[in-house]
Amino acid sequence: MKLGAARAKALAAWRLIDVDVPASGATFSYALDRNKLRQVRRREGRYLCARIYAARSPQSCGSSIFS
């Protein structure tokens, strides 16, 4: 699969990866951007907190999920 096709197929995951393609040569390197991954996981946690604990107080949500 080519890099452009991989990007189109998995755009959400593509945003979390740093790809380095040199001008010459047929190789490339990639690395996971851990800071972006951490931000995405925090956002997911907030979304789940709002959905699951909507009837509870926000303090109980923060203490149960993020601790």
PDB file of N, CA and C in Angstrom:
ATOM      1  N   MET A   1       0.851  -1.168   0.000  1.00  0.00           N
ATOM      2  CA  MET A   1       0.000   0.000   0.000  1.00  0.00           C
ATOM      3  C   MET A   1       0.902   1.239   0.000  1.00  0.00           C
ATOM      4  N   LYS A   2       0.536   2.228  -0.767  1.00  0.00           N
ATOM      5  CA  LYS A   2       1.307   3.470  -0.831  1.00  0.00           C
ATOM      6  C   LYS A   2       0.939   4.368   0.338  1.00  0.00           C
ATOM      7  N   LEU A   3       1.816   5.322   0.652  1.00  0.00           N
ATOM      8  CA  LEU A   3       1.593   6.190   1.804  1.00  0.00           C
ATOM      9  C   LEU A   3       0.325   7.020   1.663  1.00  0.00           C
ATOM     10  N   GLY A   4       0.049   7.524   0.477  1.00  0.00           N
ATOM     11  CA  GLY A   4      -1.171   8.313   0.270  1.00  0.00           C
ATOM     12  C   GLY A   4      -2.429   7.493   0.484  1.00  0.00           C
ATOM     13  N   ALA A   5      -2.411   6.238   0.043  1.00  0.00           N
ATOM     14  CA  ALA A   5      -3.565   5.356   0.236  1.00  0.00           C
ATOM     15  C   ALA A   5      -3.734   5.009   1.709  1.00  0.00           C
ATOM     16  N   ALA A   6      -2.621   4.810   2.403  1.00  0.00           N
ATOM     17  CA  ALA A   6      -2.688   4.519   3.835  1.00  0.00           C
ATOM     18  C   ALA A   6      -3.259   5.711   4.597  1.00  0.00           C
ATOM     19  N   ARG A   7      -2.861   6.900   4.177  1.00  0.00           N
ATOM     20  CA  ARG A   7      -3.370   8.108   4.833  1.00  0.00           C
ATOM     21  C   ARG A   7      -4.879   8.249   4.618  1.00  0.00           C
ATOM     22  N   ALA A   8      -5.328   8.008   3.409  1.00  0.00           N
ATOM     23  CA  ALA A   8      -6.753   8.125   3.108  1.00  0.00           C
ATOM     24  C   ALA A   8      -7.574   7.072   3.844  1.00  0.00           C
ATOM     25  N   LYS A   9      -7.003   5.905   4.027  1.00  0.00           N
ATOM     26  CA  LYS A   9      -7.735   4.806   4.664  1.00  0.00           C
ATOM     27  C   LYS A   9      -7.823   4.965   6.175  1.00  0.00           C
ATOM     28  N   ALA A  10      -6.778   5.507   6.797  1.00  0.00           N
ATOM     29  CA  ALA A  10      -6.735   5.609   8.260  1.00  0.00           C
ATOM     30  C   ALA A  10      -6.285   7.002   8.670  1.00  0.00           C
ATOM     31  N   LEU A  11      -7.099   8.001   8.371  1.00  0.00           N
ATOM     32  CA  LEU A  11      -6.717   9.384   8.626  1.00  0.00           C
ATOM     33  C   LEU A  11      -6.539   9.679  10.115  1.00  0.00           C
ATOM     34  N   ALA A  12      -7.385   9.134  10.961  1.00  0.00           N
ATOM     35  CA  ALA A  12      -7.278   9.390  12.399  1.00  0.00           C
ATOM     36  C   ALA A  12      -5.959   8.867  12.958  1.00  0.00           C
ATOM     37  N   ALA A  13      -5.555   7.703  12.529  1.00  0.00           N
ATOM     38  CA  ALA A  13      -4.284   7.139  12.994  1.00  0.00           C
ATOM     39  C   ALA A  13      -3.103   7.847  12.340  1.00  0.00           C
ATOM     40  N   TRP A  14      -3.277   8.301  11.109  1.00  0.00           N
ATOM     41  CA  TRP A  14      -2.197   8.973  10.381  1.00  0.00           C
ATOM     42  C   TRP A  14      -1.773  10.250  11.096  1.00  0.00           C
ATOM     43  N   ARG A  15      -2.717  10.916  11.732  1.00  0.00           N
ATOM     44  CA  ARG A  15      -2.402  12.154  12.449  1.00  0.00           C
ATOM     45  C   ARG A  15      -1.472  11.926  13.629  1.00  0.00           C
ATOM     46  N   LEU A  16      -1.393  10.721  14.117  1.00  0.00           N
ATOM     47  CA  LEU A  16      -0.570  10.411  15.283  1.00  0.00           C
ATOM     48  C   LEU A  16       0.837   9.934  14.918  1.00  0.00           C
ATOM     49  N   ILE A  17       1.134   9.863  13.644  1.00  0.00           N
ATOM     50  CA  ILE A  17       2.417   9.315  13.203  1.00  0.00           C
ATOM     51  C   ILE A  17       3.212  10.385  12.465  1.00  0.00           C
ATOM     52  N   ASP A  18       4.503  10.467  12.779  1.00  0.00           N
ATOM     53  CA  ASP A  18       5.422  11.336  12.052  1.00  0.00           C
ATOM     54  C   ASP A  18       6.155  10.478  11.036  1.00  0.00           C
ATOM     55  N   VAL A  19       5.999  10.810   9.767  1.00  0.00           N
ATOM     56  CA  VAL A  19       6.635  10.054   8.693  1.00  0.00           C
ATOM     57  C   VAL A  19       7.718  10.924   8.073  1.00  0.00           C
ATOM     58  N   ASP A  20       8.914  10.351   7.916  1.00  0.00           N
ATOM     59  CA  ASP A  20      10.029  11.044   7.294  1.00  0.00           C
ATOM     60  C   ASP A  20      10.402  10.314   6.011  1.00  0.00           C
ATOM     61  N   VAL A  21      10.175  10.983   4.883  1.00  0.00           N
ATOM     62  CA  VAL A  21      10.484  10.405   3.575  1.00  0.00           C
ATOM     63  C   VAL A  21      11.625  11.226   2.960  1.00  0.00           C
ATOM     64  N   PRO A  22      12.821  10.633   2.809  1.00  0.00           N
ATOM     65  CA  PRO A  22      13.925  11.377   2.213  1.00  0.00           C
ATOM     66  C   PRO A  22      13.684  11.598   0.712  1.00  0.00           C
ATOM     67  N   ALA A  23      14.330  12.635   0.165  1.00  0.00           N
ATOM     68  CA  ALA A  23      14.155  12.960  -1.252  1.00  0.00           C
ATOM     69  C   ALA A  23      14.709  11.856  -2.152  1.00  0.00           C
ATOM     70  N   SER A  24      15.786  11.241  -1.731  1.00  0.00           N
ATOM     71  CA  SER A  24      16.360  10.160  -2.535  1.00  0.00           C
ATOM     72  C   SER A  24      16.289   8.856  -1.755  1.00  0.00           C
ATOM     73  N   GLY A  25      16.117   7.774  -2.449  1.00  0.00           N
ATOM     74  CA  GLY A  25      16.051   6.479  -1.791  1.00  0.00           C
ATOM     75  C   GLY A  25      14.642   5.946  -1.727  1.00  0.00           C
ATOM     76  N   ALA A  26      14.535   4.678  -1.427  1.00  0.00           N
ATOM     77  CA  ALA A  26      13.233   4.023  -1.398  1.00  0.00           C
ATOM     78  C   ALA A  26      12.799   3.685   0.016  1.00  0.00           C
ATOM     79  N   THR A  27      13.458   4.236   1.015  1.00  0.00           N
ATOM     80  CA  THR A  27      13.101   3.917   2.398  1.00  0.00           C
ATOM     81  C   THR A  27      12.459   5.128   3.064  1.00  0.00           C
ATOM     82  N   PHE A  28      11.770   4.884   4.125  1.00  0.00           N
ATOM     83  CA  PHE A  28      11.200   5.949   4.932  1.00  0.00           C
ATOM     84  C   PHE A  28      11.218   5.494   6.382  1.00  0.00           C
ATOM     85  N   SER A  29      11.045   6.436   7.285  1.00  0.00           N
ATOM     86  CA  SER A  29      10.978   6.095   8.707  1.00  0.00           C
ATOM     87  C   SER A  29       9.727   6.728   9.298  1.00  0.00           C
ATOM     88  N   TYR A  30       9.263   6.159  10.371  1.00  0.00           N
ATOM     89  CA  TYR A  30       8.069   6.679  11.021  1.00  0.00           C
ATOM     90  C   TYR A  30       8.212   6.511  12.525  1.00  0.00           C
ATOM     91  N   ALA A  31       7.497   7.342  13.260  1.00  0.00           N
ATOM     92  CA  ALA A  31       7.514   7.276  14.717  1.00  0.00           C
ATOM     93  C   ALA A  31       6.154   7.749  15.234  1.00  0.00           C
ATOM     94  N   LEU A  32       5.735   7.191  16.327  1.00  0.00           N
ATOM     95  CA  LEU A  32       4.480   7.574  16.968  1.00  0.00           C
ATOM     96  C   LEU A  32       4.688   8.873  17.736  1.00  0.00           C
ATOM     97  N   ASP A  33       3.837   9.845  17.505  1.00  0.00           N
ATOM     98  CA  ASP A  33       3.897  11.108  18.241  1.00  0.00           C
ATOM     99  C   ASP A  33       3.137  10.908  19.547  1.00  0.00           C
ATOM    100  N   ARG A  34       3.871  10.634  20.590  1.00  0.00           N
ATOM    101  CA  ARG A  34       3.257  10.274  21.875  1.00  0.00           C
ATOM    102  C   ARG A  34       2.490  11.430  22.511  1.00  0.00           C
ATOM    103  N   ASN A  35       2.922  12.663  22.282  1.00  0.00           N
ATOM    104  CA  ASN A  35       2.184  13.806  22.833  1.00  0.00           C
ATOM    105  C   ASN A  35       0.800  13.927  22.207  1.00  0.00           C
ATOM    106  N   LYS A  36       0.706  13.749  20.897  1.00  0.00           N
ATOM    107  CA  LYS A  36      -0.598  13.785  20.231  1.00  0.00           C
ATOM    108  C   LYS A  36      -1.473  12.625  20.695  1.00  0.00           C
ATOM    109  N   LEU A  37      -0.882  11.449  20.863  1.00  0.00           N
ATOM    110  CA  LEU A  37      -1.638  10.297  21.339  1.00  0.00           C
ATOM    111  C   LEU A  37      -2.193  10.567  22.733  1.00  0.00           C
ATOM    112  N   ARG A  38      -1.399  11.168  23.575  1.00  0.00           N
ATOM    113  CA  ARG A  38      -1.837  11.500  24.932  1.00  0.00           C
ATOM    114  C   ARG A  38      -3.021  12.470  24.892  1.00  0.00           C
ATOM    115  N   GLN A  39      -2.953  13.468  24.004  1.00  0.00           N
ATOM    116  CA  GLN A  39      -4.047  14.422  23.876  1.00  0.00           C
ATOM    117  C   GLN A  39      -5.326  13.747  23.388  1.00  0.00           C
ATOM    118  N   VAL A  40      -5.214  12.860  22.424  1.00  0.00           N
ATOM    119  CA  VAL A  40      -6.381  12.153  21.892  1.00  0.00           C
ATOM    120  C   VAL A  40      -7.024  11.292  22.967  1.00  0.00           C
ATOM    121  N   ARG A  41      -6.216  10.603  23.734  1.00  0.00           N
ATOM    122  CA  ARG A  41      -6.767   9.751  24.804  1.00  0.00           C
ATOM    123  C   ARG A  41      -7.461  10.582  25.869  1.00  0.00           C
ATOM    124  N   ARG A  42      -6.926  11.752  26.177  1.00  0.00           N
ATOM    125  CA  ARG A  42      -7.589  12.620  27.155  1.00  0.00           C
ATOM    126  C   ARG A  42      -8.935  13.097  26.635  1.00  0.00           C
ATOM    127  N   ARG A  43      -8.992  13.473  25.343  1.00  0.00           N
ATOM    128  CA  ARG A  43     -10.263  13.895  24.755  1.00  0.00           C
ATOM    129  C   ARG A  43     -11.286  12.771  24.787  1.00  0.00           C
ATOM    130  N   GLU A  44     -10.843  11.550  24.479  1.00  0.00           N
ATOM    131  CA  GLU A  44     -11.756  10.412  24.519  1.00  0.00           C
ATOM    132  C   GLU A  44     -12.284  10.205  25.925  1.00  0.00           C
ATOM    133  N   GLY A  45     -11.440  10.380  26.907  1.00  0.00           N
ATOM    134  CA  GLY A  45     -11.856  10.225  28.296  1.00  0.00           C
ATOM    135  C   GLY A  45     -12.902  11.245  28.690  1.00  0.00           C
ATOM    136  N   ARG A  46     -12.710  12.479  28.234  1.00  0.00           N
ATOM    137  CA  ARG A  46     -13.697  13.522  28.537  1.00  0.00           C
ATOM    138  C   ARG A  46     -15.036  13.214  27.884  1.00  0.00           C
ATOM    139  N   TYR A  47     -14.995  12.725  26.657  1.00  0.00           N
ATOM    140  CA  TYR A  47     -16.228  12.376  25.950  1.00  0.00           C
ATOM    141  C   TYR A  47     -16.957  11.253  26.681  1.00  0.00           C
ATOM    142  N   LEU A  48     -16.207  10.214  27.058  1.00  0.00           N
ATOM    143  CA  LEU A  48     -16.830   9.106  27.780  1.00  0.00           C
ATOM    144  C   LEU A  48     -17.386   9.554  29.110  1.00  0.00           C
ATOM    145  N   CYS A  49     -16.662  10.427  29.761  1.00  0.00           N
ATOM    146  CA  CYS A  49     -17.117  10.943  31.044  1.00  0.00           C
ATOM    147  C   CYS A  49     -18.450  11.675  30.879  1.00  0.00           C
ATOM    148  N   ALA A  50     -18.550  12.506  29.868  1.00  0.00           N
ATOM    149  CA  ALA A  50     -19.778  13.263  29.644  1.00  0.00           C
ATOM    150  C   ALA A  50     -20.941  12.345  29.279  1.00  0.00           C
ATOM    151  N   ARG A  51     -20.679  11.291  28.531  1.00  0.00           N
ATOM    152  CA  ARG A  51     -21.739  10.389  28.094  1.00  0.00           C
ATOM    153  C   ARG A  51     -22.191   9.444  29.211  1.00  0.00           C
ATOM    154  N   ILE A  52     -21.249   8.864  29.918  1.00  0.00           N
ATOM    155  CA  ILE A  52     -21.578   7.840  30.901  1.00  0.00           C
ATOM    156  C   ILE A  52     -22.095   8.454  32.198  1.00  0.00           C
ATOM    157  N   TYR A  53     -21.437   9.515  32.646  1.00  0.00           N
ATOM    158  CA  TYR A  53     -21.774  10.081  33.944  1.00  0.00           C
ATOM    159  C   TYR A  53     -22.579  11.368  33.823  1.00  0.00           C
ATOM    160  N   ALA A  54     -23.443  11.472  32.846  1.00  0.00           N
ATOM    161  CA  ALA A  54     -24.208  12.697  32.625  1.00  0.00           C
ATOM    162  C   ALA A  54     -25.121  13.016  33.817  1.00  0.00           C
ATOM    163  N   ALA A  55     -25.643  12.010  34.461  1.00  0.00           N
ATOM    164  CA  ALA A  55     -26.557  12.234  35.578  1.00  0.00           C
ATOM    165  C   ALA A  55     -25.824  12.522  36.881  1.00  0.00           C
ATOM    166  N   ARG A  56     -24.540  12.204  36.930  1.00  0.00           N
ATOM    167  CA  ARG A  56     -23.763  12.421  38.153  1.00  0.00           C
ATOM    168  C   ARG A  56     -23.091  13.788  38.127  1.00  0.00           C
ATOM    169  N   SER A  57     -22.492  14.121  39.242  1.00  0.00           N
ATOM    170  CA  SER A  57     -21.787  15.397  39.315  1.00  0.00           C
ATOM    171  C   SER A  57     -20.433  15.279  38.604  1.00  0.00           C
ATOM    172  N   PRO A  58     -19.924  16.376  38.066  1.00  0.00           N
ATOM    173  CA  PRO A  58     -18.624  16.332  37.360  1.00  0.00           C
ATOM    174  C   PRO A  58     -17.463  15.928  38.281  1.00  0.00           C
ATOM    175  N   GLN A  59     -17.577  16.205  39.565  1.00  0.00           N
ATOM    176  CA  GLN A  59     -16.505  15.839  40.492  1.00  0.00           C
ATOM    177  C   GLN A  59     -16.371  14.333  40.608  1.00  0.00           C
ATOM    178  N   SER A  60     -17.477  13.612  40.606  1.00  0.00           N
ATOM    179  CA  SER A  60     -17.415  12.157  40.711  1.00  0.00           C
ATOM    180  C   SER A  60     -16.850  11.555  39.429  1.00  0.00           C
ATOM    181  N   CYS A  61     -17.133  12.190  38.324  1.00  0.00           N
ATOM    182  CA  CYS A  61     -16.612  11.717  37.044  1.00  0.00           C
ATOM    183  C   CYS A  61     -15.100  11.849  37.010  1.00  0.00           C
ATOM    184  N   GLY A  62     -14.596  12.996  37.387  1.00  0.00           N
ATOM    185  CA  GLY A  62     -13.159  13.221  37.360  1.00  0.00           C
ATOM    186  C   GLY A  62     -12.412  12.303  38.300  1.00  0.00           C
ATOM    187  N   SER A  63     -12.976  12.013  39.424  1.00  0.00           N
ATOM    188  CA  SER A  63     -12.272  11.164  40.377  1.00  0.00           C
ATOM    189  C   SER A  63     -12.307   9.690  39.970  1.00  0.00           C
ATOM    190  N   SER A  64     -13.321   9.273  39.225  1.00  0.00           N
ATOM    191  CA  SER A  64     -13.405   7.853  38.870  1.00  0.00           C
ATOM    192  C   SER A  64     -12.635   7.505  37.611  1.00  0.00           C
ATOM    193  N   ILE A  65     -12.597   8.395  36.612  1.00  0.00           N
ATOM    194  CA  ILE A  65     -11.943   8.057  35.342  1.00  0.00           C
ATOM    195  C   ILE A  65     -10.503   8.514  35.293  1.00  0.00           C
ATOM    196  N   PHE A  66     -10.216   9.721  35.759  1.00  0.00           N
ATOM    197  CA  PHE A  66      -8.899  10.304  35.537  1.00  0.00           C
ATOM    198  C   PHE A  66      -7.938  10.105  36.703  1.00  0.00           C
ATOM    199  N   SER A  67      -8.268   9.320  37.665  1.00  0.00           N
ATOM    200  CA  SER A  67      -7.338   9.108  38.773  1.00  0.00           C
ATOM    201  C   SER A  67      -6.606   7.807  38.646  1.00  0.00           C
TER     202      SER A  67
END
